[in-house]
C-alpha atoms as a PDB file:
ATOM      1  CA  MET A   1     152.210 122.097 223.980  1.00  0.00           C
ATOM      2  CA  PHE A   2     155.697 121.162 222.730  1.00  0.00           C
ATOM      3  CA  LEU A   3     156.332 124.665 221.400  1.00  0.00           C
ATOM      4  CA  ALA A   4     155.763 126.252 224.801  1.00  0.00           C
ATOM      5  CA  PHE A   5     158.292 124.007 226.556  1.00  0.00           C
ATOM      6  CA  GLY A   6     160.608 122.987 223.703  1.00  0.00           C
ATOM      7  CA  MET A   7     161.178 119.549 222.233  1.00  0.00           C
ATOM      8  CA  PRO A   8     161.061 116.572 224.604  1.00  0.00           C
ATOM      9  CA  ALA A   9     164.407 115.322 225.875  1.00  0.00           C
ATOM     10  CA  ALA A  10     165.464 111.666 226.135  1.00  0.00           C
ATOM     11  CA  PRO A  11     163.492 110.844 229.329  1.00  0.00           C
ATOM     12  CA  GLU A  12     160.296 112.253 227.822  1.00  0.00           C
ATOM     13  CA  TRP A  13     160.767 110.264 224.608  1.00  0.00           C
ATOM     14  CA  ILE A  14     161.309 107.085 226.629  1.00  0.00           C
ATOM     15  CA  PHE A  15     158.114 107.754 228.570  1.00  0.00           C
ATOM     16  CA  ILE A  16     156.176 108.438 225.346  1.00  0.00           C
ATOM     17  CA  GLY A  17     157.542 105.194 223.825  1.00  0.00           C
ATOM     18  CA  ILE A  18     156.590 103.097 226.858  1.00  0.00           C
ATOM     19  CA  LEU A  19     153.136 104.699 226.941  1.00  0.00           C
ATOM     20  CA  ALA A  20     152.593 103.964 223.228  1.00  0.00           C
ATOM     21  CA  LEU A  21     153.777 100.372 223.721  1.00  0.00           C
ATOM     22  CA  VAL A  22     151.342  99.853 226.598  1.00  0.00           C
ATOM     23  CA  LEU A  23     148.392 101.480 224.829  1.00  0.00           C
ATOM     24  CA  LEU A  24     148.896  99.972 221.354  1.00  0.00           C
ATOM     25  CA  GLY A  25     150.661  96.690 222.111  1.00  0.00           C
ATOM     26  CA  PRO A  26     153.767  95.215 220.544  1.00  0.00           C
ATOM     27  CA  LYS A  27     151.939  94.055 217.385  1.00  0.00           C
ATOM     28  CA  LYS A  28     150.234  97.332 216.512  1.00  0.00           C
ATOM     29  CA  LEU A  29     153.207  99.625 217.198  1.00  0.00           C
ATOM     30  CA  PRO A  30     155.318  98.554 214.136  1.00  0.00           C
ATOM     31  CA  GLU A  31     152.261  98.848 211.886  1.00  0.00           C
ATOM     32  CA  LEU A  32     151.584 102.327 213.201  1.00  0.00           C
ATOM     33  CA  ALA A  33     155.230 103.345 212.705  1.00  0.00           C
ATOM     34  CA  ARG A  34     155.221 101.922 209.173  1.00  0.00           C
ATOM     35  CA  GLY A  35     152.032 103.836 208.312  1.00  0.00           C
ATOM     36  CA  LEU A  36     153.468 107.007 209.795  1.00  0.00           C
ATOM     37  CA  GLY A  37     156.654 106.544 207.761  1.00  0.00           C
ATOM     38  CA  LYS A  38     154.676 106.095 204.540  1.00  0.00           C
ATOM     39  CA  ALA A  39     152.574 109.164 205.291  1.00  0.00           C
ATOM     40  CA  LEU A  40     155.696 111.254 205.930  1.00  0.00           C
ATOM     41  CA  GLY A  41     157.220 109.951 202.690  1.00  0.00           C
ATOM     42  CA  GLU A  42     154.140 110.963 200.714  1.00  0.00           C
ATOM     43  CA  LEU A  43     154.185 114.380 202.364  1.00  0.00           C
ATOM     44  CA  GLN A  44     157.854 114.802 201.399  1.00  0.00           C
ATOM     45  CA  LYS A  45     157.088 113.828 197.781  1.00  0.00           C
ATOM     46  CA  ALA A  46     154.219 116.314 197.640  1.00  0.00           C
ATOM     47  CA  LYS A  47     156.476 119.048 199.041  1.00  0.00           C
ATOM     48  CA  GLU A  48     159.189 118.308 196.465  1.00  0.00           C
ATOM     49  CA  ASP A  49     156.624 118.285 193.635  1.00  0.00           C
ATOM     50  CA  PHE A  50     155.295 121.633 194.826  1.00  0.00           C
ATOM     51  CA  HIS A  51     158.786 123.170 194.939  1.00  0.00           C
ATOM     52  CA  ARG A  52     159.600 121.716 191.527  1.00  0.00           C
ATOM     53  CA  GLU A  53     156.360 123.157 190.141  1.00  0.00           C
ATOM     54  CA  ILE A  54     157.078 126.614 191.524  1.00  0.00           C
ATOM     55  CA  ALA A  55     160.833 126.813 190.863  1.00  0.00           C
ATOM     56  CA  GLY A  56     160.965 124.736 187.698  1.00  0.00           C
ATOM     57  CA  VAL A  57     158.661 126.772 185.493  1.00  0.00           C
ATOM     58  CA  PRO A  58     159.998 126.253 181.984  1.00  0.00           C
ATOM     59  CA  PRO A  59     161.101 129.372 180.096  1.00  0.00           C
ATOM     60  CA  LEU A  60     158.801 130.874 177.522  1.00  0.00           C
ATOM     61  CA  PRO A  61     159.310 129.520 174.013  1.00  0.00           C
ATOM     62  CA  LYS A  62     161.349 131.648 171.612  1.00  0.00           C
ATOM     63  CA  ILE A  63     159.134 133.384 169.095  1.00  0.00           C
ATOM     64  CA  GLU A  64     160.547 133.265 165.592  1.00  0.00           C
ATOM     65  CA  PRO A  65     159.763 136.064 163.127  1.00  0.00           C
ATOM     66  CA  PRO A  66     157.432 135.106 160.292  1.00  0.00           C
ATOM     67  CA  GLN A  67     158.966 133.887 157.038  1.00  0.00           C
ATOM     68  CA  GLY A  68     159.933 136.695 154.671  1.00  0.00           C
ATOM     69  CA  LEU A  69     160.759 139.174 157.414  1.00  0.00           C
ATOM     70  CA  GLN A  70     164.363 139.578 158.436  1.00  0.00           C
ATOM     71  CA  SER A  71     165.587 140.127 161.932  1.00  0.00           C
ATOM     72  CA  THR A  72     166.954 143.620 162.515  1.00  0.00           C
ATOM     73  CA  THR A  73     169.290 142.587 165.325  1.00  0.00           C
ATOM     74  CA  SER A  74     171.795 140.917 162.991  1.00  0.00           C
ATOM     75  CA  GLU A  75     171.729 143.833 160.522  1.00  0.00           C
ATOM     76  CA  ILE A  76     172.557 146.605 162.960  1.00  0.00           C
ATOM     77  CA  ALA A  77     176.040 147.911 162.219  1.00  0.00           C
ATOM     78  CA  SER A  78     178.368 148.912 164.986  1.00  0.00           C
ATOM     79  CA  PRO A  79     179.402 152.601 165.213  1.00  0.00           C
ATOM     80  CA  THR A  80     182.905 151.755 164.033  1.00  0.00           C
ATOM     81  CA  GLU A  81     181.576 150.089 160.859  1.00  0.00           C
ATOM     82  CA  THR A  82     179.569 153.166 159.906  1.00  0.00           C
ATOM     83  CA  GLY A  83     182.307 155.643 160.752  1.00  0.00           C
ATOM     84  CA  VAL A  84     180.106 157.347 163.334  1.00  0.00           C
ATOM     85  CA  THR A  85     181.533 157.736 166.799  1.00  0.00           C
ATOM     86  CA  PRO A  86     179.245 157.796 169.796  1.00  0.00           C
ATOM     87  CA  ALA A  87     178.610 161.172 171.415  1.00  0.00           C
ATOM     88  CA  GLN A  88     180.991 162.026 174.229  1.00  0.00           C
ATOM     89  CA  PRO A  89     179.457 163.292 177.452  1.00  0.00           C
ATOM     90  CA  VAL A  90     180.009 166.983 178.087  1.00  0.00           C
ATOM     91  CA  SER A  91     181.227 167.916 181.532  1.00  0.00           C
ATOM     92  CA  PRO A  92     179.618 170.916 183.312  1.00  0.00           C
ATOM     93  CA  GLN A  93     182.908 172.839 183.042  1.00  0.00           C
ATOM     94  CA  GLU A  94     182.976 172.558 179.224  1.00  0.00           C
ATOM     95  CA  LYS A  95     179.422 173.959 178.931  1.00  0.00           C
ATOM     96  CA  LYS A  96     180.518 177.386 180.233  1.00  0.00           C
END
């Protein structure tokens, strides 16, 4: 109903407040508001936990090589250390 006509303006909220006060009474209205506030707080906590669960997935653990095997990444020599220069691209004009 609200989506078809937009959110209620100030006069509508005043009418809704007076109607709730008449139907529930002055003693029940604060209890209802307190319960509604707690429910909204729990909903917010659940939403934050859900987002934290989805976005905060911890990274995969680093897998260490077994003992006795050496890592090849630290032993790779750069082209300048070996005296080998990387291949230069050949332009189409040089191929002719």
